[in-house]
Amino acid sequence: MKLLFIILGSVSLLLGILGIFLPLLPTTPFLLLAATLYFRGSPRLYQWLINQKTLGTYIQNFREHQALTLKTKIISISLTWLTILYCILAILNHACLKALLLTIAIAVTWLILSYKTLKK
């Protein structure tokens, strides 16, 4: 069972890292899931993840405060809009898909802004 937790935690961590760069893939839930699965499967991997400079701080801030730093909010919203606007303007031809992506960008922005801002 521990091996399964480690494998699922690693997949979740990978998806969380990809979510940093892909706006439609949520980062926070996957990182929190990875931390939980590592906690159950391997205390060593859990400590490694929590002690990571960027991801560990991100996970701890969210778990303890249910908040994101202003820098995290700005980067997340900026990457979301840059990626989606690029797709809308340069890749997609169908108005329905453009409207769908625009709706997703608005929803993701609203979700990110709904979290408290952690003062650092």
Protein backbone atom coordinates (compact mmCIF):
# COMPACT_ATOMS: atom_id res chain seq x y z
CA MET A 1 0.00 0.00 0.00
CA LYS A 2 2.87 2.36 0.77
CA LEU A 3 4.26 1.87 -2.73
CA LEU A 4 0.89 2.83 -4.20
CA PHE A 5 0.84 6.03 -2.10
CA ILE A 6 4.36 6.88 -3.29
CA ILE A 7 3.49 6.28 -6.96
CA LEU A 8 0.25 8.28 -6.75
CA GLY A 9 2.04 11.03 -4.81
CA SER A 10 4.70 11.25 -7.52
CA VAL A 11 2.08 11.46 -10.28
CA SER A 12 0.24 14.12 -8.31
CA LEU A 13 3.46 16.07 -7.78
CA LEU A 14 4.21 15.94 -11.50
CA LEU A 15 0.71 17.16 -12.35
CA GLY A 16 1.05 19.94 -9.77
CA ILE A 17 4.33 21.09 -11.27
CA LEU A 18 2.82 21.00 -14.76
CA GLY A 19 -0.07 23.04 -13.40
CA ILE A 20 2.31 25.89 -12.68
CA PHE A 21 2.79 26.30 -16.43
CA LEU A 22 -0.55 25.04 -17.78
CA PRO A 23 -3.41 27.27 -16.65
CA LEU A 24 -6.14 24.65 -17.00
CA LEU A 25 -4.36 22.21 -14.70
CA PRO A 26 -4.78 23.11 -11.03
CA THR A 27 -1.54 23.33 -9.07
CA THR A 28 -2.69 23.58 -5.46
CA PRO A 29 -4.92 20.48 -5.24
CA PHE A 30 -2.28 18.27 -6.85
CA LEU A 31 0.50 19.55 -4.57
CA LEU A 32 -1.66 19.10 -1.46
CA LEU A 33 -2.60 15.60 -2.63
CA ALA A 34 1.06 14.78 -3.24
CA ALA A 35 1.95 15.93 0.28
CA THR A 36 -0.85 13.82 1.78
CA LEU A 37 0.08 10.73 -0.24
CA TYR A 38 3.77 11.10 0.58
CA PHE A 39 2.89 11.53 4.26
CA ARG A 40 1.10 8.16 4.18
CA GLY A 41 3.59 6.39 1.94
CA SER A 42 7.00 7.72 2.87
CA PRO A 43 7.91 10.15 5.66
CA ARG A 44 11.23 10.74 3.88
CA LEU A 45 9.54 11.88 0.65
CA TYR A 46 7.05 13.98 2.62
CA GLN A 47 9.90 15.78 4.42
CA TRP A 48 11.73 16.23 1.11
CA LEU A 49 8.65 17.83 -0.45
CA ILE A 50 7.86 20.05 2.53
CA ASN A 51 11.50 21.18 2.74
CA GLN A 52 11.64 22.23 -0.93
CA LYS A 53 12.32 25.95 -1.12
CA THR A 54 9.43 26.89 -3.42
CA LEU A 55 6.94 24.04 -3.37
CA GLY A 56 7.31 23.31 0.33
CA THR A 57 6.64 26.92 1.28
CA TYR A 58 3.68 27.03 -1.09
CA ILE A 59 2.16 23.86 0.41
CA GLN A 60 2.74 24.94 4.02
CA ASN A 61 1.27 28.41 3.44
CA PHE A 62 -1.83 26.97 1.85
CA ARG A 63 -2.31 24.20 4.42
CA GLU A 64 -1.81 26.49 7.41
CA HIS A 65 -3.45 29.71 6.23
CA GLN A 66 -5.64 28.82 3.22
CA ALA A 67 -3.90 31.76 1.56
CA LEU A 68 -1.58 32.61 -1.34
CA THR A 69 1.12 35.22 -1.42
CA LEU A 70 0.57 38.27 -3.61
CA LYS A 71 3.47 37.15 -5.81
CA THR A 72 1.85 33.73 -6.33
CA LYS A 73 -1.46 35.36 -7.23
CA ILE A 74 0.14 37.73 -9.73
CA ILE A 75 2.19 35.00 -11.40
CA SER A 76 -0.76 32.57 -11.55
CA ILE A 77 -3.18 35.09 -13.01
CA SER A 78 -0.61 36.45 -15.45
CA LEU A 79 0.33 33.01 -16.79
CA THR A 80 -3.32 32.04 -17.06
CA TRP A 81 -4.22 35.11 -19.10
CA LEU A 82 -1.09 35.04 -21.27
CA THR A 83 -1.63 31.41 -22.21
CA ILE A 84 -5.35 31.70 -22.82
CA LEU A 85 -5.07 34.96 -24.78
CA TYR A 86 -2.37 33.40 -26.94
CA CYS A 87 -4.67 30.45 -27.66
CA ILE A 88 -7.61 32.73 -28.40
CA LEU A 89 -5.68 35.12 -30.66
CA ALA A 90 -3.19 32.84 -32.41
CA ILE A 91 -4.46 29.28 -32.39
CA LEU A 92 -8.23 28.95 -32.24
CA ASN A 93 -10.64 29.84 -35.01
CA HIS A 94 -13.98 28.85 -33.49
CA ALA A 95 -15.87 31.48 -31.51
CA CYS A 96 -17.34 28.86 -29.15
CA LEU A 97 -13.90 27.63 -28.11
CA LYS A 98 -12.68 31.19 -27.67
CA ALA A 99 -15.68 31.97 -25.46
CA LEU A 100 -15.08 28.80 -23.45
CA LEU A 101 -11.42 29.67 -22.83
CA LEU A 102 -12.34 33.22 -21.90
CA THR A 103 -14.89 31.87 -19.40
CA ILE A 104 -12.29 29.53 -17.94
CA ALA A 105 -9.79 32.38 -17.58
CA ILE A 106 -12.36 34.47 -15.74
CA ALA A 107 -13.27 31.56 -13.44
CA VAL A 108 -9.63 30.75 -12.65
CA THR A 109 -8.93 34.42 -11.93
CA TRP A 110 -11.95 34.62 -9.63
CA LEU A 111 -10.85 31.44 -7.81
CA ILE A 112 -7.30 32.70 -7.28
CA LEU A 113 -8.51 36.08 -6.07
CA SER A 114 -11.00 34.43 -3.69
CA TYR A 115 -8.13 33.12 -1.54
CA LYS A 116 -6.79 35.34 1.20
CA THR A 117 -3.54 37.15 0.48
CA LEU A 118 -0.76 36.02 2.78
CA LYS A 119 1.30 38.90 4.12
CA LYS A 120 5.02 38.17 3.99
